[in-house]
């Protein structure tokens, strides 16, 4: 997700990336620049990989030269809400097609494999799991996550 690759990109749609993907600093330093930054007396960061906890947010890595500037606050609740809404919409479409069970497992077994036709529609199922399992709810690459979900919803709705 952070690299902005490997989602299923439907033909006819444009996919782009957010700053976290194109940032030279993150490209050079990797995820640890933000997620493992150390701030004195902070219970987050370091090897926890967390950017926020009960005591507040860890933004010292975000304030690295070439990234965000002060004042800076982690404000991704709107993004998370949007991505969760898109995931819910796609989840409903996938449930309606009986591709997954209500618990989220693939609806298939050895004796009854899941068959999706035309095959390219399986990209919507892939994108659902790709975005959901990234677990950042769009924070890692908002544009890419949004575009993968929106295109998946449009393709399934049109089909």
N, C-alpha and C. Protein backbone atom coordinates (compact mmCIF):
# COMPACT_ATOMS: atom_id res chain seq x y z
N UNK A 1 0.83 -1.19 0.00
CA UNK A 1 0.00 0.00 0.00
C UNK A 1 0.87 1.25 0.00
N UNK A 2 1.86 1.28 0.87
CA UNK A 2 2.70 2.47 0.96
C UNK A 2 3.43 2.73 -0.36
N UNK A 3 3.81 1.69 -1.06
CA UNK A 3 4.51 1.86 -2.33
C UNK A 3 3.55 2.24 -3.46
N UNK A 4 2.26 2.09 -3.25
CA UNK A 4 1.29 2.43 -4.28
C UNK A 4 1.30 1.46 -5.44
N UNK A 5 1.55 0.20 -5.13
CA UNK A 5 1.56 -0.85 -6.15
C UNK A 5 0.86 -2.08 -5.60
N UNK A 6 0.58 -2.98 -6.50
CA UNK A 6 0.07 -4.32 -6.18
C UNK A 6 -1.40 -4.41 -5.84
N UNK A 7 -2.14 -3.29 -5.87
CA UNK A 7 -3.58 -3.40 -5.83
C UNK A 7 -4.03 -3.85 -7.22
N UNK A 8 -5.28 -4.31 -7.33
CA UNK A 8 -5.78 -4.68 -8.65
C UNK A 8 -6.29 -3.41 -9.31
N UNK A 9 -5.64 -3.00 -10.38
CA UNK A 9 -5.98 -1.75 -11.06
C UNK A 9 -6.83 -2.07 -12.29
N UNK A 10 -8.11 -1.72 -12.20
CA UNK A 10 -9.04 -1.98 -13.29
C UNK A 10 -8.70 -1.11 -14.49
N UNK A 11 -8.88 -1.67 -15.65
CA UNK A 11 -8.65 -0.96 -16.90
C UNK A 11 -9.61 0.23 -17.00
N UNK A 12 -9.09 1.35 -17.48
CA UNK A 12 -9.91 2.54 -17.67
C UNK A 12 -9.95 3.48 -16.47
N UNK A 13 -9.28 3.12 -15.39
CA UNK A 13 -9.24 3.95 -14.19
C UNK A 13 -7.82 4.48 -13.99
N UNK A 14 -7.73 5.63 -13.36
CA UNK A 14 -6.43 6.23 -13.06
C UNK A 14 -6.14 6.03 -11.58
N UNK A 15 -4.93 5.64 -11.27
CA UNK A 15 -4.52 5.41 -9.88
C UNK A 15 -3.30 6.29 -9.61
N UNK A 16 -3.32 6.97 -8.48
CA UNK A 16 -2.20 7.84 -8.11
C UNK A 16 -1.84 7.59 -6.65
N UNK A 17 -0.85 8.29 -6.18
CA UNK A 17 -0.33 8.06 -4.84
C UNK A 17 -0.31 9.32 -4.00
N UNK A 18 -0.35 9.12 -2.71
CA UNK A 18 -0.26 10.20 -1.74
C UNK A 18 1.19 10.54 -1.44
N UNK A 19 1.40 11.60 -0.70
CA UNK A 19 2.74 12.08 -0.36
C UNK A 19 3.59 11.01 0.32
N UNK A 20 3.00 10.19 1.18
CA UNK A 20 3.79 9.18 1.88
C UNK A 20 4.47 8.23 0.91
N UNK A 21 3.92 8.07 -0.28
CA UNK A 21 4.51 7.19 -1.29
C UNK A 21 5.59 7.90 -2.09
N UNK A 22 5.39 9.18 -2.35
CA UNK A 22 6.32 9.90 -3.22
C UNK A 22 7.41 10.64 -2.44
N UNK A 23 7.31 10.68 -1.13
CA UNK A 23 8.28 11.39 -0.30
C UNK A 23 9.68 10.81 -0.45
N UNK A 24 10.62 11.67 -0.78
CA UNK A 24 12.01 11.24 -0.90
C UNK A 24 12.55 10.78 0.45
N UNK A 25 12.15 11.47 1.52
CA UNK A 25 12.62 11.13 2.86
C UNK A 25 12.16 9.72 3.24
N UNK A 26 10.87 9.42 3.03
CA UNK A 26 10.36 8.09 3.36
C UNK A 26 10.98 7.05 2.43
N UNK A 27 11.17 7.42 1.18
CA UNK A 27 11.82 6.51 0.24
C UNK A 27 13.21 6.12 0.69
N UNK A 28 13.96 7.09 1.21
CA UNK A 28 15.32 6.83 1.68
C UNK A 28 15.35 6.10 3.02
N UNK A 29 14.48 6.53 3.94
CA UNK A 29 14.52 6.03 5.32
C UNK A 29 13.56 4.87 5.58
N UNK A 30 12.49 4.79 4.81
CA UNK A 30 11.50 3.72 5.03
C UNK A 30 10.51 4.07 6.13
N UNK A 31 9.71 3.10 6.47
CA UNK A 31 8.62 3.26 7.44
C UNK A 31 9.12 3.69 8.82
N UNK A 32 10.34 3.30 9.14
CA UNK A 32 10.86 3.56 10.49
C UNK A 32 11.00 5.05 10.80
N UNK A 33 11.13 5.89 9.77
CA UNK A 33 11.29 7.32 10.01
C UNK A 33 10.11 7.87 10.81
N UNK A 34 8.93 7.36 10.57
CA UNK A 34 7.74 7.80 11.31
C UNK A 34 7.41 6.84 12.45
N UNK A 35 7.32 5.56 12.11
CA UNK A 35 6.80 4.58 13.06
C UNK A 35 7.78 4.19 14.17
N UNK A 36 9.06 4.43 13.98
CA UNK A 36 10.01 4.06 15.02
C UNK A 36 10.77 5.27 15.57
N UNK A 37 10.25 6.45 15.28
CA UNK A 37 10.87 7.65 15.83
C UNK A 37 10.80 7.57 17.36
N UNK A 38 11.77 8.17 18.00
CA UNK A 38 11.81 8.11 19.46
C UNK A 38 11.69 9.52 20.01
N UNK A 39 10.75 9.67 20.90
CA UNK A 39 10.54 10.94 21.58
C UNK A 39 10.69 10.65 23.07
N UNK A 40 11.49 11.44 23.74
CA UNK A 40 11.76 11.21 25.14
C UNK A 40 10.48 11.03 25.95
N UNK A 41 10.44 10.00 26.77
CA UNK A 41 9.34 9.68 27.67
C UNK A 41 8.02 9.38 26.95
N UNK A 42 8.08 8.95 25.72
CA UNK A 42 6.86 8.61 24.99
C UNK A 42 6.70 7.10 24.93
N UNK A 43 5.52 6.59 25.28
CA UNK A 43 5.30 5.14 25.24
C UNK A 43 5.03 4.62 23.82
N UNK A 44 4.93 5.50 22.84
CA UNK A 44 4.71 5.07 21.46
C UNK A 44 5.99 5.27 20.67
N UNK A 45 6.01 4.82 19.42
CA UNK A 45 7.23 4.90 18.62
C UNK A 45 8.16 3.77 18.99
N UNK A 46 9.42 3.94 18.69
CA UNK A 46 10.39 2.88 18.97
C UNK A 46 9.94 1.58 18.34
N UNK A 47 10.04 0.50 19.06
CA UNK A 47 9.67 -0.80 18.51
C UNK A 47 8.18 -1.09 18.59
N UNK A 48 7.38 -0.16 19.12
CA UNK A 48 5.94 -0.38 19.14
C UNK A 48 5.34 -0.19 17.75
N UNK A 49 5.97 0.61 16.90
CA UNK A 49 5.50 0.96 15.56
C UNK A 49 4.22 1.81 15.61
N UNK A 50 3.80 2.23 16.79
CA UNK A 50 2.56 3.01 16.93
C UNK A 50 2.86 4.50 16.85
N UNK A 51 1.92 5.24 16.26
CA UNK A 51 2.05 6.69 16.18
C UNK A 51 1.18 7.41 17.21
N UNK A 52 0.30 6.68 17.86
CA UNK A 52 -0.50 7.29 18.90
C UNK A 52 -0.84 6.28 19.97
N UNK A 53 -1.04 6.81 21.15
CA UNK A 53 -1.43 5.99 22.29
C UNK A 53 -2.30 6.82 23.20
N UNK A 54 -2.62 6.29 24.37
CA UNK A 54 -3.46 7.01 25.32
C UNK A 54 -2.85 8.34 25.74
N UNK A 55 -1.53 8.42 25.71
CA UNK A 55 -0.83 9.62 26.16
C UNK A 55 -0.70 10.68 25.07
N UNK A 56 -1.09 10.36 23.85
CA UNK A 56 -1.01 11.35 22.78
C UNK A 56 -0.39 10.78 21.52
N UNK A 57 0.04 11.69 20.66
CA UNK A 57 0.55 11.32 19.35
C UNK A 57 2.06 11.49 19.27
N UNK A 58 2.68 10.66 18.47
CA UNK A 58 4.12 10.76 18.21
C UNK A 58 4.27 11.40 16.84
N UNK A 59 4.71 12.64 16.82
CA UNK A 59 4.86 13.35 15.54
C UNK A 59 6.30 13.73 15.25
N UNK A 60 7.25 13.33 16.09
CA UNK A 60 8.64 13.73 15.89
C UNK A 60 9.15 13.26 14.53
N UNK A 61 8.79 12.07 14.08
CA UNK A 61 9.21 11.59 12.77
C UNK A 61 8.55 12.35 11.64
N UNK A 62 7.30 12.76 11.87
CA UNK A 62 6.55 13.52 10.86
C UNK A 62 7.17 14.89 10.61
N UNK A 63 7.86 15.41 11.60
CA UNK A 63 8.44 16.75 11.52
C UNK A 63 9.86 16.74 10.95
N UNK A 64 10.29 15.59 10.44
CA UNK A 64 11.59 15.49 9.79
C UNK A 64 11.64 16.45 8.61
N UNK A 65 12.78 17.07 8.39
CA UNK A 65 12.93 18.00 7.27
C UNK A 65 12.52 17.33 5.97
N UNK A 66 11.67 18.00 5.20
CA UNK A 66 11.18 17.46 3.94
C UNK A 66 9.83 16.81 4.06
N UNK A 67 9.31 16.73 5.28
CA UNK A 67 7.99 16.14 5.50
C UNK A 67 7.03 17.22 5.96
N UNK A 68 6.34 16.99 7.05
CA UNK A 68 5.38 17.96 7.58
C UNK A 68 6.12 19.05 8.36
N UNK A 69 5.45 20.17 8.59
CA UNK A 69 6.04 21.24 9.39
C UNK A 69 5.13 21.55 10.57
N UNK A 70 5.67 22.25 11.54
CA UNK A 70 4.89 22.60 12.73
C UNK A 70 3.99 23.78 12.43
N UNK A 71 2.86 23.94 13.04
CA UNK A 71 2.28 22.96 13.96
C UNK A 71 1.71 21.78 13.19
N UNK A 72 1.87 20.60 13.72
CA UNK A 72 1.40 19.40 13.05
C UNK A 72 0.66 18.52 14.03
N UNK A 73 -0.46 18.01 13.59
CA UNK A 73 -1.27 17.11 14.39
C UNK A 73 -1.70 15.95 13.49
N UNK A 74 -1.61 14.74 14.00
CA UNK A 74 -2.11 13.59 13.23
C UNK A 74 -3.62 13.75 13.12
N UNK A 75 -4.10 14.02 11.95
CA UNK A 75 -5.53 14.24 11.75
C UNK A 75 -6.00 13.39 10.58
N UNK A 76 -6.19 12.12 10.86
CA UNK A 76 -6.60 11.23 9.79
C UNK A 76 -7.95 10.57 10.07
N UNK A 77 -8.69 11.10 11.03
CA UNK A 77 -10.01 10.53 11.34
C UNK A 77 -10.95 10.65 10.15
N UNK A 78 -10.92 11.77 9.43
CA UNK A 78 -11.76 11.93 8.25
C UNK A 78 -11.40 10.91 7.19
N UNK A 79 -10.10 10.69 7.01
CA UNK A 79 -9.63 9.69 6.04
C UNK A 79 -10.08 8.31 6.46
N UNK A 80 -9.90 7.99 7.72
CA UNK A 80 -10.31 6.67 8.21
C UNK A 80 -11.82 6.46 8.03
N UNK A 81 -12.60 7.48 8.33
CA UNK A 81 -14.05 7.39 8.18
C UNK A 81 -14.42 7.16 6.72
N UNK A 82 -13.79 7.89 5.82
CA UNK A 82 -14.06 7.74 4.39
C UNK A 82 -13.70 6.34 3.91
N UNK A 83 -12.51 5.86 4.25
CA UNK A 83 -12.05 4.55 3.80
C UNK A 83 -12.92 3.45 4.42
N UNK A 84 -13.28 3.59 5.69
CA UNK A 84 -14.16 2.60 6.31
C UNK A 84 -15.51 2.55 5.60
N UNK A 85 -16.04 3.71 5.21
CA UNK A 85 -17.30 3.76 4.48
C UNK A 85 -17.20 3.06 3.13
N UNK A 86 -16.09 3.30 2.42
CA UNK A 86 -15.88 2.64 1.13
C UNK A 86 -15.70 1.13 1.31
N UNK A 87 -14.96 0.74 2.35
CA UNK A 87 -14.79 -0.69 2.64
C UNK A 87 -16.14 -1.33 2.95
N UNK A 88 -16.98 -0.64 3.73
CA UNK A 88 -18.31 -1.17 4.05
C UNK A 88 -19.16 -1.34 2.80
N UNK A 89 -19.10 -0.35 1.91
CA UNK A 89 -19.87 -0.44 0.66
C UNK A 89 -19.40 -1.61 -0.19
N UNK A 90 -18.09 -1.76 -0.31
CA UNK A 90 -17.54 -2.86 -1.10
C UNK A 90 -17.85 -4.20 -0.43
N UNK A 91 -17.76 -4.23 0.89
CA UNK A 91 -18.08 -5.44 1.65
C UNK A 91 -19.50 -5.89 1.36
N UNK A 92 -20.43 -4.96 1.35
CA UNK A 92 -21.82 -5.28 1.07
C UNK A 92 -21.98 -5.86 -0.34
N UNK A 93 -21.32 -5.25 -1.32
CA UNK A 93 -21.40 -5.76 -2.69
C UNK A 93 -20.81 -7.17 -2.80
N UNK A 94 -19.75 -7.41 -2.08
CA UNK A 94 -19.10 -8.73 -2.11
C UNK A 94 -19.98 -9.76 -1.38
N UNK A 95 -20.57 -9.37 -0.26
CA UNK A 95 -21.50 -10.25 0.46
C UNK A 95 -22.69 -10.59 -0.41
N UNK A 96 -23.24 -9.58 -1.09
CA UNK A 96 -24.40 -9.80 -1.96
C UNK A 96 -24.09 -10.80 -3.07
N UNK A 97 -22.85 -10.88 -3.49
CA UNK A 97 -22.44 -11.82 -4.53
C UNK A 97 -22.09 -13.18 -3.95
N UNK A 98 -22.14 -13.28 -2.62
CA UNK A 98 -21.86 -14.53 -1.92
C UNK A 98 -20.42 -15.00 -2.10
N UNK A 99 -19.49 -14.04 -2.25
CA UNK A 99 -18.09 -14.38 -2.40
C UNK A 99 -17.40 -14.60 -1.06
N UNK A 100 -17.95 -13.98 -0.01
CA UNK A 100 -17.42 -14.15 1.34
C UNK A 100 -18.57 -14.46 2.28
N UNK A 101 -18.23 -15.00 3.42
CA UNK A 101 -19.22 -15.26 4.45
C UNK A 101 -19.38 -14.01 5.31
N UNK A 102 -20.36 -13.99 6.17
CA UNK A 102 -20.58 -12.83 7.04
C UNK A 102 -19.40 -12.60 7.98
N UNK A 103 -18.61 -13.64 8.25
CA UNK A 103 -17.43 -13.49 9.11
C UNK A 103 -16.21 -12.98 8.34
N UNK A 104 -16.35 -12.86 7.00
CA UNK A 104 -15.26 -12.32 6.20
C UNK A 104 -14.38 -13.37 5.54
N UNK A 105 -14.70 -14.64 5.71
CA UNK A 105 -13.92 -15.70 5.07
C UNK A 105 -14.39 -15.88 3.63
N UNK A 106 -13.49 -16.34 2.78
CA UNK A 106 -13.86 -16.65 1.40
C UNK A 106 -14.89 -17.79 1.44
N UNK A 107 -15.95 -17.62 0.68
CA UNK A 107 -17.03 -18.60 0.65
C UNK A 107 -16.68 -19.71 -0.34
N UNK A 108 -15.80 -20.60 0.08
CA UNK A 108 -15.35 -21.68 -0.78
C UNK A 108 -14.86 -22.84 0.07
N UNK A 109 -14.83 -23.98 -0.55
CA UNK A 109 -14.28 -25.17 0.11
C UNK A 109 -13.66 -26.04 -0.97
N UNK A 110 -13.05 -27.13 -0.57
CA UNK A 110 -12.44 -28.03 -1.54
C UNK A 110 -13.47 -28.55 -2.53
N UNK A 111 -14.64 -28.89 -2.03
CA UNK A 111 -15.69 -29.42 -2.89
C UNK A 111 -16.48 -28.35 -3.62
N UNK A 112 -16.36 -27.10 -3.17
CA UNK A 112 -17.13 -26.02 -3.78
C UNK A 112 -16.25 -24.77 -3.90
N UNK A 113 -15.36 -24.76 -4.89
CA UNK A 113 -14.46 -23.61 -5.03
C UNK A 113 -15.22 -22.35 -5.44
N UNK A 114 -14.66 -21.21 -5.09
CA UNK A 114 -15.25 -19.93 -5.47
C UNK A 114 -14.92 -19.67 -6.93
N UNK A 115 -15.95 -19.42 -7.71
CA UNK A 115 -15.75 -19.11 -9.12
C UNK A 115 -16.31 -17.72 -9.37
N UNK A 116 -15.45 -16.83 -9.83
CA UNK A 116 -15.85 -15.46 -10.13
C UNK A 116 -15.70 -15.25 -11.64
N UNK A 117 -16.81 -14.88 -12.26
CA UNK A 117 -16.77 -14.66 -13.71
C UNK A 117 -17.50 -13.36 -14.04
N UNK A 118 -16.97 -12.59 -14.94
CA UNK A 118 -15.65 -12.73 -15.56
C UNK A 118 -14.55 -12.56 -14.51
N UNK A 119 -13.43 -13.18 -14.77
CA UNK A 119 -12.34 -13.30 -13.79
C UNK A 119 -11.85 -11.95 -13.27
N UNK A 120 -11.87 -10.90 -14.10
CA UNK A 120 -11.33 -9.62 -13.65
C UNK A 120 -12.12 -9.06 -12.46
N UNK A 121 -13.36 -9.49 -12.27
CA UNK A 121 -14.13 -9.01 -11.11
C UNK A 121 -13.52 -9.44 -9.79
N UNK A 122 -12.72 -10.50 -9.82
CA UNK A 122 -12.06 -10.94 -8.59
C UNK A 122 -11.11 -9.86 -8.07
N UNK A 123 -10.73 -8.92 -8.93
CA UNK A 123 -9.90 -7.80 -8.49
C UNK A 123 -10.57 -6.98 -7.41
N UNK A 124 -11.88 -6.89 -7.43
CA UNK A 124 -12.61 -6.16 -6.38
C UNK A 124 -12.46 -6.86 -5.04
N UNK A 125 -12.53 -8.17 -5.04
CA UNK A 125 -12.34 -8.94 -3.82
C UNK A 125 -10.91 -8.78 -3.32
N UNK A 126 -9.95 -8.83 -4.23
CA UNK A 126 -8.55 -8.63 -3.87
C UNK A 126 -8.35 -7.25 -3.24
N UNK A 127 -8.91 -6.22 -3.88
CA UNK A 127 -8.74 -4.85 -3.37
C UNK A 127 -9.37 -4.68 -1.99
N UNK A 128 -10.48 -5.33 -1.76
CA UNK A 128 -11.12 -5.27 -0.44
C UNK A 128 -10.14 -5.76 0.63
N UNK A 129 -9.58 -6.94 0.42
CA UNK A 129 -8.65 -7.49 1.40
C UNK A 129 -7.34 -6.71 1.44
N UNK A 130 -6.88 -6.23 0.30
CA UNK A 130 -5.63 -5.46 0.24
C UNK A 130 -5.72 -4.21 1.12
N UNK A 131 -6.81 -3.46 0.98
CA UNK A 131 -6.97 -2.23 1.77
C UNK A 131 -7.27 -2.56 3.23
N UNK A 132 -8.14 -3.53 3.45
CA UNK A 132 -8.49 -3.88 4.83
C UNK A 132 -7.28 -4.38 5.62
N UNK A 133 -6.49 -5.23 5.01
CA UNK A 133 -5.36 -5.82 5.72
C UNK A 133 -4.16 -4.89 5.85
N UNK A 134 -4.15 -3.80 5.09
CA UNK A 134 -3.11 -2.79 5.29
C UNK A 134 -3.26 -2.20 6.69
N UNK A 135 -4.50 -2.12 7.17
CA UNK A 135 -4.85 -1.70 8.52
C UNK A 135 -4.57 -0.22 8.84
N UNK A 136 -4.13 0.56 7.85
CA UNK A 136 -3.92 1.98 8.13
C UNK A 136 -5.16 2.80 7.85
N UNK A 137 -6.20 2.17 7.29
CA UNK A 137 -7.44 2.83 6.90
C UNK A 137 -7.16 4.06 6.04
N UNK A 138 -6.22 3.90 5.13
CA UNK A 138 -5.93 4.96 4.17
C UNK A 138 -4.79 5.88 4.55
N UNK A 139 -4.33 5.83 5.78
CA UNK A 139 -3.27 6.76 6.22
C UNK A 139 -1.97 6.54 5.46
N UNK A 140 -1.66 5.32 5.10
CA UNK A 140 -0.40 5.06 4.39
C UNK A 140 -0.40 5.63 2.98
N UNK A 141 -1.53 5.54 2.30
CA UNK A 141 -1.60 6.01 0.92
C UNK A 141 -3.08 6.27 0.59
N UNK A 142 -3.57 7.40 1.04
CA UNK A 142 -4.99 7.73 0.95
C UNK A 142 -5.51 7.68 -0.48
N UNK A 143 -4.82 8.33 -1.39
CA UNK A 143 -5.29 8.37 -2.78
C UNK A 143 -5.42 6.98 -3.37
N UNK A 144 -4.40 6.17 -3.20
CA UNK A 144 -4.40 4.83 -3.80
C UNK A 144 -5.50 3.96 -3.20
N UNK A 145 -5.61 3.97 -1.87
CA UNK A 145 -6.64 3.18 -1.19
C UNK A 145 -8.03 3.60 -1.67
N UNK A 146 -8.27 4.91 -1.70
CA UNK A 146 -9.57 5.43 -2.14
C UNK A 146 -9.87 5.00 -3.57
N UNK A 147 -8.90 5.15 -4.46
CA UNK A 147 -9.11 4.83 -5.87
C UNK A 147 -9.33 3.34 -6.09
N UNK A 148 -8.63 2.49 -5.36
CA UNK A 148 -8.84 1.05 -5.48
C UNK A 148 -10.26 0.68 -5.06
N UNK A 149 -10.72 1.26 -3.95
CA UNK A 149 -12.05 0.94 -3.45
C UNK A 149 -13.14 1.52 -4.35
N UNK A 150 -12.97 2.77 -4.76
CA UNK A 150 -13.98 3.40 -5.62
C UNK A 150 -14.11 2.67 -6.96
N UNK A 151 -12.99 2.32 -7.57
CA UNK A 151 -13.07 1.62 -8.85
C UNK A 151 -13.70 0.24 -8.67
N UNK A 152 -13.38 -0.44 -7.59
CA UNK A 152 -13.96 -1.76 -7.32
C UNK A 152 -15.48 -1.66 -7.15
N UNK A 153 -15.91 -0.65 -6.41
CA UNK A 153 -17.35 -0.45 -6.20
C UNK A 153 -18.04 -0.13 -7.53
N UNK A 154 -17.44 0.75 -8.31
CA UNK A 154 -18.04 1.10 -9.61
C UNK A 154 -18.14 -0.10 -10.54
N UNK A 155 -17.08 -0.90 -10.60
CA UNK A 155 -17.09 -2.06 -11.49
C UNK A 155 -18.14 -3.08 -11.04
N UNK A 156 -18.23 -3.35 -9.75
CA UNK A 156 -19.22 -4.31 -9.27
C UNK A 156 -20.64 -3.77 -9.41
N UNK A 157 -20.82 -2.48 -9.23
CA UNK A 157 -22.15 -1.88 -9.36
C UNK A 157 -22.62 -1.91 -10.82
N UNK A 158 -21.69 -1.72 -11.74
CA UNK A 158 -22.02 -1.71 -13.16
C UNK A 158 -22.25 -3.11 -13.72
N UNK A 159 -21.70 -4.10 -13.07
CA UNK A 159 -21.76 -5.47 -13.58
C UNK A 159 -23.09 -6.12 -13.30
